[in-house]
Amino acid sequence: MAWWQYVLIVGVLLAGIYGFVVLTGNLTGFLSRRTDRTAESMYGDYADSPRKRRYAQRHGGQWHDEETRSSNLTASPPRPPRKTA
């Protein structure tokens, strides 16, 4: 092998490592960002199965339809500022 092939291989490896580090850093930041969404707001329609709804109604529990539940929701309080180290 010629000397320039060694330099080319090292350059490609370094570029690949750099690309991997940048990609994983961006994905980690994207996947772990703060959000104000709750499980109830994302999955409200799928919270309980029809069987659980019937069970709650038969045993004195309550089930709120989407219209009733959405009118009862209040805005969540603002989050405290993030601590910076």
PDB file of N, CA and C in Angstrom:
ATOM      1  N   MET A   1       0.840  -1.197   0.000  1.00  0.00           N
ATOM      2  CA  MET A   1       0.000   0.000   0.000  1.00  0.00           C
ATOM      3  C   MET A   1       0.874   1.245   0.000  1.00  0.00           C
ATOM      4  N   ALA A   2       0.375   2.228  -0.682  1.00  0.00           N
ATOM      5  CA  ALA A   2       1.098   3.499  -0.738  1.00  0.00           C
ATOM      6  C   ALA A   2       0.777   4.319   0.513  1.00  0.00           C
ATOM      7  N   TRP A   3       1.633   5.270   0.820  1.00  0.00           N
ATOM      8  CA  TRP A   3       1.466   6.075   2.032  1.00  0.00           C
ATOM      9  C   TRP A   3       0.175   6.881   2.005  1.00  0.00           C
ATOM     10  N   TRP A   4      -0.247   7.347   0.806  1.00  0.00           N
ATOM     11  CA  TRP A   4      -1.450   8.178   0.733  1.00  0.00           C
ATOM     12  C   TRP A   4      -2.711   7.358   1.034  1.00  0.00           C
ATOM     13  N   GLN A   5      -2.660   6.040   0.820  1.00  0.00           N
ATOM     14  CA  GLN A   5      -3.798   5.193   1.167  1.00  0.00           C
ATOM     15  C   GLN A   5      -3.973   5.101   2.683  1.00  0.00           C
ATOM     16  N   TYR A   6      -2.877   5.058   3.411  1.00  0.00           N
ATOM     17  CA  TYR A   6      -2.958   5.060   4.873  1.00  0.00           C
ATOM     18  C   TYR A   6      -3.573   6.362   5.377  1.00  0.00           C
ATOM     19  N   VAL A   7      -3.154   7.463   4.795  1.00  0.00           N
ATOM     20  CA  VAL A   7      -3.701   8.768   5.192  1.00  0.00           C
ATOM     21  C   VAL A   7      -5.192   8.831   4.871  1.00  0.00           C
ATOM     22  N   LEU A   8      -5.580   8.324   3.711  1.00  0.00           N
ATOM     23  CA  LEU A   8      -6.982   8.323   3.316  1.00  0.00           C
ATOM     24  C   LEU A   8      -7.826   7.454   4.259  1.00  0.00           C
ATOM     25  N   ILE A   9      -7.323   6.294   4.634  1.00  0.00           N
ATOM     26  CA  ILE A   9      -8.054   5.399   5.540  1.00  0.00           C
ATOM     27  C   ILE A   9      -8.231   6.054   6.913  1.00  0.00           C
ATOM     28  N   VAL A  10      -7.183   6.657   7.427  1.00  0.00           N
ATOM     29  CA  VAL A  10      -7.277   7.339   8.720  1.00  0.00           C
ATOM     30  C   VAL A  10      -8.276   8.497   8.638  1.00  0.00           C
ATOM     31  N   GLY A  11      -8.254   9.240   7.545  1.00  0.00           N
ATOM     32  CA  GLY A  11      -9.198  10.357   7.381  1.00  0.00           C
ATOM     33  C   GLY A  11     -10.643   9.882   7.317  1.00  0.00           C
ATOM     34  N   VAL A  12     -10.895   8.795   6.614  1.00  0.00           N
ATOM     35  CA  VAL A  12     -12.255   8.253   6.525  1.00  0.00           C
ATOM     36  C   VAL A  12     -12.712   7.750   7.885  1.00  0.00           C
ATOM     37  N   LEU A  13     -11.844   7.076   8.611  1.00  0.00           N
ATOM     38  CA  LEU A  13     -12.203   6.597   9.948  1.00  0.00           C
ATOM     39  C   LEU A  13     -12.511   7.750  10.889  1.00  0.00           C
ATOM     40  N   LEU A  14     -11.696   8.786  10.865  1.00  0.00           N
ATOM     41  CA  LEU A  14     -11.945   9.954  11.730  1.00  0.00           C
ATOM     42  C   LEU A  14     -13.247  10.653  11.354  1.00  0.00           C
ATOM     43  N   ALA A  15     -13.537  10.768  10.069  1.00  0.00           N
ATOM     44  CA  ALA A  15     -14.791  11.380   9.634  1.00  0.00           C
ATOM     45  C   ALA A  15     -15.989  10.537  10.075  1.00  0.00           C
ATOM     46  N   GLY A  16     -15.866   9.223  10.007  1.00  0.00           N
ATOM     47  CA  GLY A  16     -16.937   8.340  10.445  1.00  0.00           C
ATOM     48  C   GLY A  16     -17.184   8.447  11.939  1.00  0.00           C
ATOM     49  N   ILE A  17     -16.121   8.485  12.719  1.00  0.00           N
ATOM     50  CA  ILE A  17     -16.260   8.620  14.176  1.00  0.00           C
ATOM     51  C   ILE A  17     -16.885   9.963  14.517  1.00  0.00           C
ATOM     52  N   TYR A  18     -16.433  11.021  13.874  1.00  0.00           N
ATOM     53  CA  TYR A  18     -16.991  12.345  14.119  1.00  0.00           C
ATOM     54  C   TYR A  18     -18.483  12.386  13.757  1.00  0.00           C
ATOM     55  N   GLY A  19     -18.843  11.814  12.617  1.00  0.00           N
ATOM     56  CA  GLY A  19     -20.244  11.780  12.207  1.00  0.00           C
ATOM     57  C   GLY A  19     -21.108  11.006  13.187  1.00  0.00           C
ATOM     58  N   PHE A  20     -20.600   9.894  13.701  1.00  0.00           N
ATOM     59  CA  PHE A  20     -21.343   9.105  14.683  1.00  0.00           C
ATOM     60  C   PHE A  20     -21.562   9.903  15.966  1.00  0.00           C
ATOM     61  N   VAL A  21     -20.541  10.580  16.440  1.00  0.00           N
ATOM     62  CA  VAL A  21     -20.659  11.365  17.673  1.00  0.00           C
ATOM     63  C   VAL A  21     -21.655  12.501  17.493  1.00  0.00           C
ATOM     64  N   VAL A  22     -21.611  13.184  16.379  1.00  0.00           N
ATOM     65  CA  VAL A  22     -22.546  14.280  16.124  1.00  0.00           C
ATOM     66  C   VAL A  22     -23.970  13.756  16.017  1.00  0.00           C
ATOM     67  N   LEU A  23     -24.156  12.666  15.300  1.00  0.00           N
ATOM     68  CA  LEU A  23     -25.491  12.100  15.133  1.00  0.00           C
ATOM     69  C   LEU A  23     -26.080  11.644  16.460  1.00  0.00           C
ATOM     70  N   THR A  24     -25.323  10.932  17.268  1.00  0.00           N
ATOM     71  CA  THR A  24     -25.847  10.450  18.548  1.00  0.00           C
ATOM     72  C   THR A  24     -26.097  11.607  19.504  1.00  0.00           C
ATOM     73  N   GLY A  25     -25.277  12.634  19.461  1.00  0.00           N
ATOM     74  CA  GLY A  25     -25.514  13.803  20.316  1.00  0.00           C
ATOM     75  C   GLY A  25     -26.798  14.519  19.945  1.00  0.00           C
ATOM     76  N   ASN A  26     -27.054  14.680  18.647  1.00  0.00           N
ATOM     77  CA  ASN A  26     -28.286  15.335  18.208  1.00  0.00           C
ATOM     78  C   ASN A  26     -29.505  14.498  18.547  1.00  0.00           C
ATOM     79  N   LEU A  27     -29.434  13.197  18.352  1.00  0.00           N
ATOM     80  CA  LEU A  27     -30.564  12.334  18.674  1.00  0.00           C
ATOM     81  C   LEU A  27     -30.843  12.313  20.170  1.00  0.00           C
ATOM     82  N   THR A  28     -29.791  12.289  20.979  1.00  0.00           N
ATOM     83  CA  THR A  28     -29.980  12.303  22.424  1.00  0.00           C
ATOM     84  C   THR A  28     -30.658  13.593  22.857  1.00  0.00           C
ATOM     85  N   GLY A  29     -30.231  14.715  22.323  1.00  0.00           N
ATOM     86  CA  GLY A  29     -30.868  15.985  22.656  1.00  0.00           C
ATOM     87  C   GLY A  29     -32.311  16.046  22.202  1.00  0.00           C
ATOM     88  N   PHE A  30     -32.593  15.496  21.037  1.00  0.00           N
ATOM     89  CA  PHE A  30     -33.960  15.500  20.517  1.00  0.00           C
ATOM     90  C   PHE A  30     -34.871  14.605  21.343  1.00  0.00           C
ATOM     91  N   LEU A  31     -34.390  13.441  21.707  1.00  0.00           N
ATOM     92  CA  LEU A  31     -35.224  12.487  22.430  1.00  0.00           C
ATOM     93  C   LEU A  31     -35.385  12.825  23.906  1.00  0.00           C
ATOM     94  N   SER A  32     -34.518  13.622  24.473  1.00  0.00           N
ATOM     95  CA  SER A  32     -34.599  13.915  25.899  1.00  0.00           C
ATOM     96  C   SER A  32     -34.973  15.374  26.184  1.00  0.00           C
ATOM     97  N   ARG A  33     -35.514  16.070  25.211  1.00  0.00           N
ATOM     98  CA  ARG A  33     -35.887  17.470  25.435  1.00  0.00           C
ATOM     99  C   ARG A  33     -37.088  17.553  26.370  1.00  0.00           C
ATOM    100  N   ARG A  34     -37.235  18.680  27.014  1.00  0.00           N
ATOM    101  CA  ARG A  34     -38.353  18.888  27.925  1.00  0.00           C
ATOM    102  C   ARG A  34     -39.618  19.166  27.125  1.00  0.00           C
ATOM    103  N   THR A  35     -40.739  18.744  27.678  1.00  0.00           N
ATOM    104  CA  THR A  35     -42.009  18.960  27.027  1.00  0.00           C
ATOM    105  C   THR A  35     -43.078  19.163  28.087  1.00  0.00           C
ATOM    106  N   ASP A  36     -44.159  19.821  27.699  1.00  0.00           N
ATOM    107  CA  ASP A  36     -45.255  20.026  28.646  1.00  0.00           C
ATOM    108  C   ASP A  36     -46.396  19.048  28.398  1.00  0.00           C
ATOM    109  N   ARG A  37     -46.206  18.114  27.475  1.00  0.00           N
ATOM    110  CA  ARG A  37     -47.243  17.124  27.204  1.00  0.00           C
ATOM    111  C   ARG A  37     -47.233  16.050  28.280  1.00  0.00           C
ATOM    112  N   THR A  38     -48.415  15.594  28.639  1.00  0.00           N
ATOM    113  CA  THR A  38     -48.538  14.532  29.626  1.00  0.00           C
ATOM    114  C   THR A  38     -49.101  13.293  28.934  1.00  0.00           C
ATOM    115  N   ALA A  39     -49.054  12.185  29.620  1.00  0.00           N
ATOM    116  CA  ALA A  39     -49.616  10.958  29.066  1.00  0.00           C
ATOM    117  C   ALA A  39     -51.111  11.128  28.829  1.00  0.00           C
ATOM    118  N   GLU A  40     -51.775  11.850  29.710  1.00  0.00           N
ATOM    119  CA  GLU A  40     -53.216  12.053  29.543  1.00  0.00           C
ATOM    120  C   GLU A  40     -53.519  12.856  28.280  1.00  0.00           C
ATOM    121  N   SER A  41     -52.718  13.866  27.999  1.00  0.00           N
ATOM    122  CA  SER A  41     -52.983  14.670  26.804  1.00  0.00           C
ATOM    123  C   SER A  41     -52.617  13.926  25.521  1.00  0.00           C
ATOM    124  N   MET A  42     -51.661  13.005  25.579  1.00  0.00           N
ATOM    125  CA  MET A  42     -51.274  12.275  24.383  1.00  0.00           C
ATOM    126  C   MET A  42     -52.127  11.037  24.153  1.00  0.00           C
ATOM    127  N   TYR A  43     -52.505  10.369  25.218  1.00  0.00           N
ATOM    128  CA  TYR A  43     -53.178   9.085  25.084  1.00  0.00           C
ATOM    129  C   TYR A  43     -54.521   9.059  25.796  1.00  0.00           C
ATOM    130  N   GLY A  44     -55.198  10.172  25.846  1.00  0.00           N
ATOM    131  CA  GLY A  44     -56.465  10.254  26.556  1.00  0.00           C
ATOM    132  C   GLY A  44     -57.510   9.300  26.025  1.00  0.00           C
ATOM    133  N   ASP A  45     -57.565   9.117  24.729  1.00  0.00           N
ATOM    134  CA  ASP A  45     -58.573   8.231  24.155  1.00  0.00           C
ATOM    135  C   ASP A  45     -58.280   6.765  24.434  1.00  0.00           C
ATOM    136  N   TYR A  46     -57.053   6.451  24.780  1.00  0.00           N
ATOM    137  CA  TYR A  46     -56.656   5.059  24.939  1.00  0.00           C
ATOM    138  C   TYR A  46     -56.292   4.735  26.387  1.00  0.00           C
ATOM    139  N   ALA A  47     -56.718   5.563  27.318  1.00  0.00           N
ATOM    140  CA  ALA A  47     -56.306   5.393  28.706  1.00  0.00           C
ATOM    141  C   ALA A  47     -56.807   4.082  29.288  1.00  0.00           C
ATOM    142  N   ASP A  48     -58.058   3.765  29.103  1.00  0.00           N
ATOM    143  CA  ASP A  48     -58.624   2.546  29.665  1.00  0.00           C
ATOM    144  C   ASP A  48     -59.385   1.785  28.590  1.00  0.00           C
ATOM    145  N   SER A  49     -59.423   0.497  28.761  1.00  0.00           N
ATOM    146  CA  SER A  49     -60.158  -0.341  27.823  1.00  0.00           C
ATOM    147  C   SER A  49     -61.656  -0.258  28.127  1.00  0.00           C
ATOM    148  N   PRO A  50     -62.505  -0.642  27.173  1.00  0.00           N
ATOM    149  CA  PRO A  50     -63.945  -0.652  27.447  1.00  0.00           C
ATOM    150  C   PRO A  50     -64.305  -1.533  28.637  1.00  0.00           C
ATOM    151  N   ARG A  51     -63.570  -2.596  28.852  1.00  0.00           N
ATOM    152  CA  ARG A  51     -63.831  -3.464  30.001  1.00  0.00           C
ATOM    153  C   ARG A  51     -63.614  -2.711  31.311  1.00  0.00           C
ATOM    154  N   LYS A  52     -62.531  -1.932  31.389  1.00  0.00           N
ATOM    155  CA  LYS A  52     -62.269  -1.160  32.606  1.00  0.00           C
ATOM    156  C   LYS A  52     -63.325  -0.078  32.802  1.00  0.00           C
ATOM    157  N   ARG A  53     -63.789   0.508  31.720  1.00  0.00           N
ATOM    158  CA  ARG A  53     -64.849   1.519  31.821  1.00  0.00           C
ATOM    159  C   ARG A  53     -66.123   0.905  32.399  1.00  0.00           C
ATOM    160  N   ARG A  54     -66.529  -0.253  31.859  1.00  0.00           N
ATOM    161  CA  ARG A  54     -67.729  -0.926  32.366  1.00  0.00           C
ATOM    162  C   ARG A  54     -67.571  -1.302  33.824  1.00  0.00           C
ATOM    163  N   TYR A  55     -66.393  -1.798  34.192  1.00  0.00           N
ATOM    164  CA  TYR A  55     -66.139  -2.185  35.573  1.00  0.00           C
ATOM    165  C   TYR A  55     -66.278  -0.977  36.495  1.00  0.00           C
ATOM    166  N   ALA A  56     -65.703   0.151  36.083  1.00  0.00           N
ATOM    167  CA  ALA A  56     -65.793   1.357  36.910  1.00  0.00           C
ATOM    168  C   ALA A  56     -67.234   1.814  37.050  1.00  0.00           C
ATOM    169  N   GLN A  57     -67.999   1.779  35.975  1.00  0.00           N
ATOM    170  CA  GLN A  57     -69.394   2.201  36.044  1.00  0.00           C
ATOM    171  C   GLN A  57     -70.214   1.268  36.922  1.00  0.00           C
ATOM    172  N   ARG A  58     -69.966  -0.017  36.851  1.00  0.00           N
ATOM    173  CA  ARG A  58     -70.725  -0.979  37.641  1.00  0.00           C
ATOM    174  C   ARG A  58     -70.391  -0.912  39.121  1.00  0.00           C
ATOM    175  N   HIS A  59     -69.208  -0.487  39.447  1.00  0.00           N
ATOM    176  CA  HIS A  59     -68.769  -0.476  40.841  1.00  0.00           C
ATOM    177  C   HIS A  59     -68.680   0.940  41.420  1.00  0.00           C
ATOM    178  N   GLY A  60     -69.438   1.843  40.874  1.00  0.00           N
ATOM    179  CA  GLY A  60     -69.535   3.177  41.460  1.00  0.00           C
ATOM    180  C   GLY A  60     -68.455   4.145  41.046  1.00  0.00           C
ATOM    181  N   GLY A  61     -67.620   3.756  40.109  1.00  0.00           N
ATOM    182  CA  GLY A  61     -66.587   4.669  39.642  1.00  0.00           C
ATOM    183  C   GLY A  61     -67.129   5.606  38.590  1.00  0.00           C
ATOM    184  N   GLN A  62     -66.286   6.439  38.077  1.00  0.00           N
ATOM    185  CA  GLN A  62     -66.700   7.409  37.069  1.00  0.00           C
ATOM    186  C   GLN A  62     -65.866   7.238  35.821  1.00  0.00           C
ATOM    187  N   TRP A  63     -66.488   7.555  34.712  1.00  0.00           N
ATOM    188  CA  TRP A  63     -65.761   7.610  33.453  1.00  0.00           C
ATOM    189  C   TRP A  63     -66.138   8.908  32.780  1.00  0.00           C
ATOM    190  N   HIS A  64     -65.144   9.656  32.358  1.00  0.00           N
ATOM    191  CA  HIS A  64     -65.389  10.944  31.724  1.00  0.00           C
ATOM    192  C   HIS A  64     -65.146  10.817  30.234  1.00  0.00           C
ATOM    193  N   ASP A  65     -66.124  11.224  29.452  1.00  0.00           N
ATOM    194  CA  ASP A  65     -65.928  11.257  28.010  1.00  0.00           C
ATOM    195  C   ASP A  65     -64.973  12.383  27.667  1.00  0.00           C
ATOM    196  N   GLU A  66     -64.506  12.395  26.443  1.00  0.00           N
ATOM    197  CA  GLU A  66     -63.529  13.399  26.015  1.00  0.00           C
ATOM    198  C   GLU A  66     -64.052  14.817  26.191  1.00  0.00           C
ATOM    199  N   GLU A  67     -65.347  15.053  25.879  1.00  0.00           N
ATOM    200  CA  GLU A  67     -65.888  16.409  25.997  1.00  0.00           C
ATOM    201  C   GLU A  67     -65.882  16.866  27.446  1.00  0.00           C
ATOM    202  N   THR A  68     -66.283  16.004  28.346  1.00  0.00           N
ATOM    203  CA  THR A  68     -66.321  16.365  29.761  1.00  0.00           C
ATOM    204  C   THR A  68     -64.917  16.557  30.293  1.00  0.00           C
ATOM    205  N   ARG A  69     -64.023  15.646  29.942  1.00  0.00           N
ATOM    206  CA  ARG A  69     -62.666  15.708  30.456  1.00  0.00           C
ATOM    207  C   ARG A  69     -61.936  16.946  29.951  1.00  0.00           C
ATOM    208  N   SER A  70     -62.116  17.293  28.676  1.00  0.00           N
ATOM    209  CA  SER A  70     -61.386  18.430  28.133  1.00  0.00           C
ATOM    210  C   SER A  70     -61.849  19.741  28.748  1.00  0.00           C
ATOM    211  N   SER A  71     -63.118  19.822  29.163  1.00  0.00           N
ATOM    212  CA  SER A  71     -63.580  21.062  29.783  1.00  0.00           C
ATOM    213  C   SER A  71     -63.084  21.175  31.213  1.00  0.00           C
ATOM    214  N   ASN A  72     -62.706  20.049  31.841  1.00  0.00           N
ATOM    215  CA  ASN A  72     -62.233  20.069  33.219  1.00  0.00           C
ATOM    216  C   ASN A  72     -60.726  20.269  33.328  1.00  0.00           C
ATOM    217  N   LEU A  73     -60.020  20.133  32.228  1.00  0.00           N
ATOM    218  CA  LEU A  73     -58.575  20.283  32.278  1.00  0.00           C
ATOM    219  C   LEU A  73     -58.196  21.738  32.510  1.00  0.00           C
ATOM    220  N   THR A  74     -57.198  21.931  33.313  1.00  0.00           N
ATOM    221  CA  THR A  74     -56.692  23.279  33.546  1.00  0.00           C
ATOM    222  C   THR A  74     -55.262  23.336  33.043  1.00  0.00           C
ATOM    223  N   ALA A  75     -54.803  24.526  32.820  1.00  0.00           N
ATOM    224  CA  ALA A  75     -53.431  24.687  32.344  1.00  0.00           C
ATOM    225  C   ALA A  75     -52.470  24.281  33.446  1.00  0.00           C
ATOM    226  N   SER A  76     -51.416  23.605  33.061  1.00  0.00           N
ATOM    227  CA  SER A  76     -50.436  23.184  34.057  1.00  0.00           C
ATOM    228  C   SER A  76     -49.626  24.401  34.510  1.00  0.00           C
ATOM    229  N   PRO A  77     -49.180  24.395  35.759  1.00  0.00           N
ATOM    230  CA  PRO A  77     -48.396  25.526  36.235  1.00  0.00           C
ATOM    231  C   PRO A  77     -47.066  25.586  35.503  1.00  0.00           C
ATOM    232  N   PRO A  78     -46.506  26.777  35.374  1.00  0.00           N
ATOM    233  CA  PRO A  78     -45.227  26.893  34.668  1.00  0.00           C
ATOM    234  C   PRO A  78     -44.136  26.158  35.407  1.00  0.00           C
ATOM    235  N   ARG A  79     -43.222  25.605  34.647  1.00  0.00           N
ATOM    236  CA  ARG A  79     -42.106  24.882  35.256  1.00  0.00           C
ATOM    237  C   ARG A  79     -41.069  25.871  35.806  1.00  0.00           C
ATOM    238  N   PRO A  80     -40.396  25.481  36.874  1.00  0.00           N
ATOM    239  CA  PRO A  80     -39.329  26.355  37.363  1.00  0.00           C
ATOM    240  C   PRO A  80     -38.180  26.360  36.363  1.00  0.00           C
ATOM    241  N   PRO A  81     -37.401  27.416  36.349  1.00  0.00           N
ATOM    242  CA  PRO A  81     -36.280  27.468  35.400  1.00  0.00           C
ATOM    243  C   PRO A  81     -35.277  26.366  35.702  1.00  0.00           C
ATOM    244  N   ARG A  82     -34.619  25.913  34.638  1.00  0.00           N
ATOM    245  CA  ARG A  82     -33.610  24.851  34.771  1.00  0.00           C
ATOM    246  C   ARG A  82     -32.396  25.392  35.516  1.00  0.00           C
ATOM    247  N   LYS A  83     -31.846  24.533  36.341  1.00  0.00           N
ATOM    248  CA  LYS A  83     -30.626  24.906  37.066  1.00  0.00           C
ATOM    249  C   LYS A  83     -29.441  24.741  36.126  1.00  0.00           C
ATOM    250  N   THR A  84     -28.608  25.728  36.093  1.00  0.00           N
ATOM    251  CA  THR A  84     -27.413  25.626  35.271  1.00  0.00           C
ATOM    252  C   THR A  84     -26.212  25.440  36.186  1.00  0.00           C
ATOM    253  N   ALA A  85     -25.357  24.552  35.793  1.00  0.00           N
ATOM    254  CA  ALA A  85     -24.193  24.254  36.645  1.00  0.00           C
ATOM    255  C   ALA A  85     -22.990  25.020  36.177  1.00  0.00           C
TER     256      ALA A  85
END
